[in-house]
Amino acid sequence: MKDNILDVVQDTAKDLAEAGVMNMTTLREFDAICLPEVKHYNAENIKALREKEHVSQAVFAAYLNTSPSTVRQWEQGNKKPRGTSLKLLNLVAHKGLRVLVY
């Protein structure tokens, strides 16, 4: 079952592209619109997320490919995650830390 209406509409758009009714450029633009919103995390959210995963700051940092001091600064509110780190935090929040293991 689809999670939300955008998933259903996105599947329909893919079908239209396969049928030749929608061009691939339009489909790619539509796919970009359907990306989930990236949530911003404050110090308390990040610490709670890490603790929910039952890992130390050093282990959390290793999963996120950043330094333990960066995680510490996030959790103290001295620095805010952005870019790829923010996207990874969103993935961990929705799928768990194991999503980053390949």
N, C-alpha and C. Protein backbone atom coordinates (compact mmCIF):
# COMPACT_ATOMS: atom_id res chain seq x y z
N MET A 1 0.84 -1.19 0.00
CA MET A 1 0.00 0.00 0.00
C MET A 1 0.88 1.25 0.00
N LYS A 2 0.48 2.25 -0.73
CA LYS A 2 1.24 3.49 -0.83
C LYS A 2 1.10 4.31 0.44
N ASP A 3 2.19 5.04 0.77
CA ASP A 3 2.22 5.84 1.99
C ASP A 3 1.33 7.07 1.90
N ASN A 4 1.33 7.72 0.75
CA ASN A 4 0.54 8.94 0.64
C ASN A 4 0.13 9.18 -0.81
N ILE A 5 -0.65 10.20 -0.99
CA ILE A 5 -1.19 10.51 -2.31
C ILE A 5 -0.09 10.83 -3.32
N LEU A 6 1.01 11.46 -2.86
CA LEU A 6 2.11 11.77 -3.77
C LEU A 6 2.73 10.51 -4.36
N ASP A 7 2.80 9.44 -3.56
CA ASP A 7 3.33 8.17 -4.08
C ASP A 7 2.45 7.65 -5.21
N VAL A 8 1.15 7.73 -5.02
CA VAL A 8 0.21 7.26 -6.05
C VAL A 8 0.33 8.11 -7.31
N VAL A 9 0.38 9.42 -7.14
CA VAL A 9 0.49 10.32 -8.28
C VAL A 9 1.83 10.11 -8.99
N GLN A 10 2.89 9.89 -8.22
CA GLN A 10 4.20 9.66 -8.82
C GLN A 10 4.18 8.37 -9.65
N ASP A 11 3.57 7.32 -9.15
CA ASP A 11 3.45 6.09 -9.93
C ASP A 11 2.67 6.32 -11.22
N THR A 12 1.62 7.12 -11.13
CA THR A 12 0.83 7.44 -12.32
C THR A 12 1.67 8.20 -13.34
N ALA A 13 2.47 9.16 -12.85
CA ALA A 13 3.34 9.93 -13.74
C ALA A 13 4.36 9.02 -14.42
N LYS A 14 4.90 8.05 -13.70
CA LYS A 14 5.84 7.11 -14.31
C LYS A 14 5.15 6.29 -15.39
N ASP A 15 3.94 5.86 -15.12
CA ASP A 15 3.17 5.11 -16.12
C ASP A 15 2.92 5.96 -17.36
N LEU A 16 2.60 7.24 -17.17
CA LEU A 16 2.37 8.13 -18.30
C LEU A 16 3.64 8.32 -19.12
N ALA A 17 4.78 8.41 -18.44
CA ALA A 17 6.05 8.54 -19.15
C ALA A 17 6.36 7.29 -19.95
N GLU A 18 6.11 6.13 -19.36
CA GLU A 18 6.33 4.87 -20.07
C GLU A 18 5.41 4.74 -21.29
N ALA A 19 4.21 5.30 -21.19
CA ALA A 19 3.26 5.24 -22.30
C ALA A 19 3.55 6.31 -23.35
N GLY A 20 4.51 7.20 -23.06
CA GLY A 20 4.87 8.23 -24.03
C GLY A 20 4.01 9.47 -23.95
N VAL A 21 3.16 9.57 -22.94
CA VAL A 21 2.27 10.73 -22.80
C VAL A 21 2.97 11.87 -22.06
N MET A 22 3.93 11.53 -21.20
CA MET A 22 4.68 12.53 -20.44
C MET A 22 6.15 12.36 -20.80
N ASN A 23 6.85 13.46 -21.07
CA ASN A 23 8.26 13.32 -21.41
C ASN A 23 9.11 13.12 -20.16
N MET A 24 10.31 12.60 -20.34
CA MET A 24 11.19 12.27 -19.21
C MET A 24 11.63 13.50 -18.43
N THR A 25 11.77 14.64 -19.09
CA THR A 25 12.14 15.87 -18.38
C THR A 25 11.05 16.24 -17.39
N THR A 26 9.82 16.17 -17.80
CA THR A 26 8.70 16.47 -16.91
C THR A 26 8.66 15.46 -15.76
N LEU A 27 8.91 14.20 -16.05
CA LEU A 27 8.91 13.17 -15.00
C LEU A 27 10.00 13.45 -13.98
N ARG A 28 11.20 13.82 -14.43
CA ARG A 28 12.29 14.14 -13.49
C ARG A 28 11.94 15.34 -12.63
N GLU A 29 11.33 16.35 -13.24
CA GLU A 29 10.90 17.52 -12.47
C GLU A 29 9.85 17.12 -11.44
N PHE A 30 8.94 16.26 -11.82
CA PHE A 30 7.91 15.80 -10.90
C PHE A 30 8.53 14.98 -9.76
N ASP A 31 9.49 14.12 -10.10
CA ASP A 31 10.17 13.33 -9.08
C ASP A 31 10.83 14.24 -8.04
N ALA A 32 11.43 15.34 -8.50
CA ALA A 32 12.09 16.27 -7.58
C ALA A 32 11.08 16.91 -6.63
N ILE A 33 9.90 17.20 -7.14
CA ILE A 33 8.84 17.79 -6.30
C ILE A 33 8.39 16.81 -5.22
N CYS A 34 8.44 15.53 -5.53
CA CYS A 34 7.94 14.49 -4.62
C CYS A 34 8.93 14.09 -3.53
N LEU A 35 10.13 14.64 -3.57
CA LEU A 35 11.09 14.30 -2.52
C LEU A 35 10.55 14.74 -1.16
N PRO A 36 10.79 13.95 -0.13
CA PRO A 36 10.29 14.33 1.19
C PRO A 36 11.00 15.58 1.72
N GLU A 37 10.28 16.34 2.49
CA GLU A 37 10.84 17.54 3.10
C GLU A 37 11.94 17.14 4.08
N VAL A 38 13.03 17.88 4.08
CA VAL A 38 14.12 17.61 5.01
C VAL A 38 13.86 18.39 6.29
N LYS A 39 13.66 17.66 7.38
CA LYS A 39 13.38 18.27 8.67
C LYS A 39 14.69 18.77 9.29
N HIS A 40 14.63 19.91 9.94
CA HIS A 40 15.79 20.44 10.66
C HIS A 40 15.73 19.97 12.11
N TYR A 41 16.89 19.67 12.66
CA TYR A 41 16.97 19.13 14.01
C TYR A 41 17.71 20.09 14.93
N ASN A 42 17.18 20.25 16.15
CA ASN A 42 17.88 21.05 17.14
C ASN A 42 18.71 20.12 18.02
N ALA A 43 19.43 20.68 18.96
CA ALA A 43 20.34 19.91 19.82
C ALA A 43 19.63 18.77 20.53
N GLU A 44 18.45 19.05 21.08
CA GLU A 44 17.72 18.03 21.83
C GLU A 44 17.25 16.89 20.91
N ASN A 45 16.79 17.24 19.70
CA ASN A 45 16.35 16.23 18.74
C ASN A 45 17.48 15.29 18.35
N ILE A 46 18.66 15.85 18.14
CA ILE A 46 19.81 15.04 17.70
C ILE A 46 20.24 14.10 18.82
N LYS A 47 20.31 14.63 20.03
CA LYS A 47 20.69 13.77 21.16
C LYS A 47 19.66 12.66 21.36
N ALA A 48 18.39 13.00 21.28
CA ALA A 48 17.33 12.00 21.44
C ALA A 48 17.41 10.94 20.34
N LEU A 49 17.70 11.35 19.13
CA LEU A 49 17.82 10.41 18.01
C LEU A 49 18.99 9.45 18.25
N ARG A 50 20.12 10.00 18.68
CA ARG A 50 21.29 9.17 18.97
C ARG A 50 21.01 8.20 20.11
N GLU A 51 20.40 8.70 21.17
CA GLU A 51 20.10 7.84 22.31
C GLU A 51 19.07 6.77 21.97
N LYS A 52 18.13 7.09 21.09
CA LYS A 52 17.15 6.11 20.65
C LYS A 52 17.84 4.95 19.94
N GLU A 53 18.95 5.25 19.26
CA GLU A 53 19.72 4.23 18.55
C GLU A 53 20.71 3.52 19.47
N HIS A 54 20.82 3.97 20.72
CA HIS A 54 21.68 3.35 21.74
C HIS A 54 23.15 3.32 21.32
N VAL A 55 23.65 4.46 20.81
CA VAL A 55 25.05 4.54 20.42
C VAL A 55 25.70 5.78 21.04
N SER A 56 27.02 5.72 21.17
CA SER A 56 27.78 6.86 21.68
C SER A 56 27.89 7.92 20.60
N GLN A 57 28.38 9.08 20.99
CA GLN A 57 28.61 10.15 20.01
C GLN A 57 29.62 9.71 18.96
N ALA A 58 30.65 8.98 19.38
CA ALA A 58 31.69 8.53 18.45
C ALA A 58 31.12 7.54 17.42
N VAL A 59 30.29 6.62 17.87
CA VAL A 59 29.70 5.64 16.96
C VAL A 59 28.71 6.34 16.02
N PHE A 60 27.89 7.22 16.57
CA PHE A 60 26.94 7.98 15.76
C PHE A 60 27.68 8.76 14.68
N ALA A 61 28.78 9.40 15.07
CA ALA A 61 29.59 10.17 14.13
C ALA A 61 30.15 9.27 13.03
N ALA A 62 30.58 8.08 13.39
CA ALA A 62 31.13 7.16 12.38
C ALA A 62 30.06 6.79 11.36
N TYR A 63 28.85 6.51 11.81
CA TYR A 63 27.77 6.20 10.88
C TYR A 63 27.48 7.36 9.95
N LEU A 64 27.55 8.58 10.48
CA LEU A 64 27.23 9.77 9.69
C LEU A 64 28.43 10.31 8.91
N ASN A 65 29.58 9.64 9.05
CA ASN A 65 30.81 10.04 8.38
C ASN A 65 31.21 11.48 8.75
N THR A 66 31.14 11.75 10.04
CA THR A 66 31.57 13.04 10.56
C THR A 66 32.40 12.79 11.82
N SER A 67 32.83 13.82 12.47
CA SER A 67 33.67 13.64 13.65
C SER A 67 32.84 13.64 14.93
N PRO A 68 33.34 12.98 15.98
CA PRO A 68 32.64 13.02 17.27
C PRO A 68 32.48 14.45 17.78
N SER A 69 33.47 15.31 17.51
CA SER A 69 33.35 16.70 17.99
C SER A 69 32.20 17.42 17.27
N THR A 70 31.93 17.07 16.03
CA THR A 70 30.81 17.67 15.32
C THR A 70 29.50 17.25 15.96
N VAL A 71 29.35 15.96 16.26
CA VAL A 71 28.13 15.48 16.92
C VAL A 71 27.99 16.16 18.28
N ARG A 72 29.08 16.28 19.01
CA ARG A 72 29.04 16.95 20.32
C ARG A 72 28.57 18.40 20.17
N GLN A 73 29.10 19.10 19.16
CA GLN A 73 28.70 20.49 18.93
C GLN A 73 27.23 20.59 18.54
N TRP A 74 26.74 19.62 17.75
CA TRP A 74 25.31 19.60 17.42
C TRP A 74 24.49 19.46 18.68
N GLU A 75 24.88 18.51 19.52
CA GLU A 75 24.10 18.22 20.73
C GLU A 75 24.18 19.34 21.76
N GLN A 76 25.22 20.15 21.70
CA GLN A 76 25.34 21.29 22.61
C GLN A 76 24.71 22.55 22.01
N GLY A 77 24.28 22.47 20.78
CA GLY A 77 23.65 23.61 20.12
C GLY A 77 24.63 24.63 19.58
N ASN A 78 25.92 24.29 19.56
CA ASN A 78 26.94 25.22 19.06
C ASN A 78 27.05 25.21 17.54
N LYS A 79 26.52 24.16 16.93
CA LYS A 79 26.59 24.00 15.49
C LYS A 79 25.32 23.31 15.04
N LYS A 80 24.90 23.56 13.81
CA LYS A 80 23.69 22.91 13.27
C LYS A 80 24.06 22.07 12.07
N PRO A 81 23.50 20.87 11.99
CA PRO A 81 23.76 20.05 10.82
C PRO A 81 23.11 20.66 9.58
N ARG A 82 23.77 20.49 8.45
CA ARG A 82 23.21 20.98 7.20
C ARG A 82 23.66 20.07 6.08
N GLY A 83 23.11 20.26 4.93
CA GLY A 83 23.50 19.50 3.75
C GLY A 83 23.32 18.01 3.92
N THR A 84 24.35 17.28 3.56
CA THR A 84 24.30 15.82 3.59
C THR A 84 24.07 15.30 5.00
N SER A 85 24.68 15.92 5.99
CA SER A 85 24.49 15.47 7.37
C SER A 85 23.03 15.58 7.79
N LEU A 86 22.39 16.64 7.39
CA LEU A 86 20.98 16.82 7.72
C LEU A 86 20.12 15.76 7.03
N LYS A 87 20.43 15.47 5.79
CA LYS A 87 19.70 14.43 5.06
C LYS A 87 19.90 13.07 5.73
N LEU A 88 21.13 12.77 6.16
CA LEU A 88 21.40 11.51 6.83
C LEU A 88 20.64 11.41 8.16
N LEU A 89 20.58 12.51 8.90
CA LEU A 89 19.81 12.51 10.15
C LEU A 89 18.34 12.21 9.88
N ASN A 90 17.80 12.76 8.81
CA ASN A 90 16.42 12.47 8.43
C ASN A 90 16.23 11.00 8.10
N LEU A 91 17.18 10.43 7.37
CA LEU A 91 17.10 9.00 7.05
C LEU A 91 17.13 8.15 8.32
N VAL A 92 18.03 8.47 9.23
CA VAL A 92 18.14 7.73 10.49
C VAL A 92 16.85 7.87 11.29
N ALA A 93 16.29 9.05 11.32
CA ALA A 93 15.06 9.27 12.08
C ALA A 93 13.91 8.43 11.53
N HIS A 94 13.85 8.25 10.22
CA HIS A 94 12.74 7.52 9.61
C HIS A 94 12.99 6.03 9.46
N LYS A 95 14.25 5.66 9.27
CA LYS A 95 14.56 4.25 8.95
C LYS A 95 15.46 3.56 9.97
N GLY A 96 16.05 4.33 10.88
CA GLY A 96 16.97 3.74 11.85
C GLY A 96 18.41 3.79 11.34
N LEU A 97 19.32 3.63 12.25
CA LEU A 97 20.74 3.72 11.94
C LEU A 97 21.20 2.65 10.96
N ARG A 98 20.56 1.50 10.97
CA ARG A 98 20.94 0.40 10.09
C ARG A 98 20.80 0.75 8.61
N VAL A 99 20.02 1.78 8.29
CA VAL A 99 19.87 2.19 6.89
C VAL A 99 21.20 2.67 6.31
N LEU A 100 22.13 3.07 7.16
CA LEU A 100 23.41 3.58 6.69
C LEU A 100 24.46 2.49 6.55
N VAL A 101 24.10 1.25 6.82
CA VAL A 101 25.03 0.13 6.68
C VAL A 101 24.81 -0.48 5.30
N TYR A 102 25.86 -0.63 4.58
CA TYR A 102 25.71 -1.24 3.24
C TYR A 102 26.43 -2.54 3.15
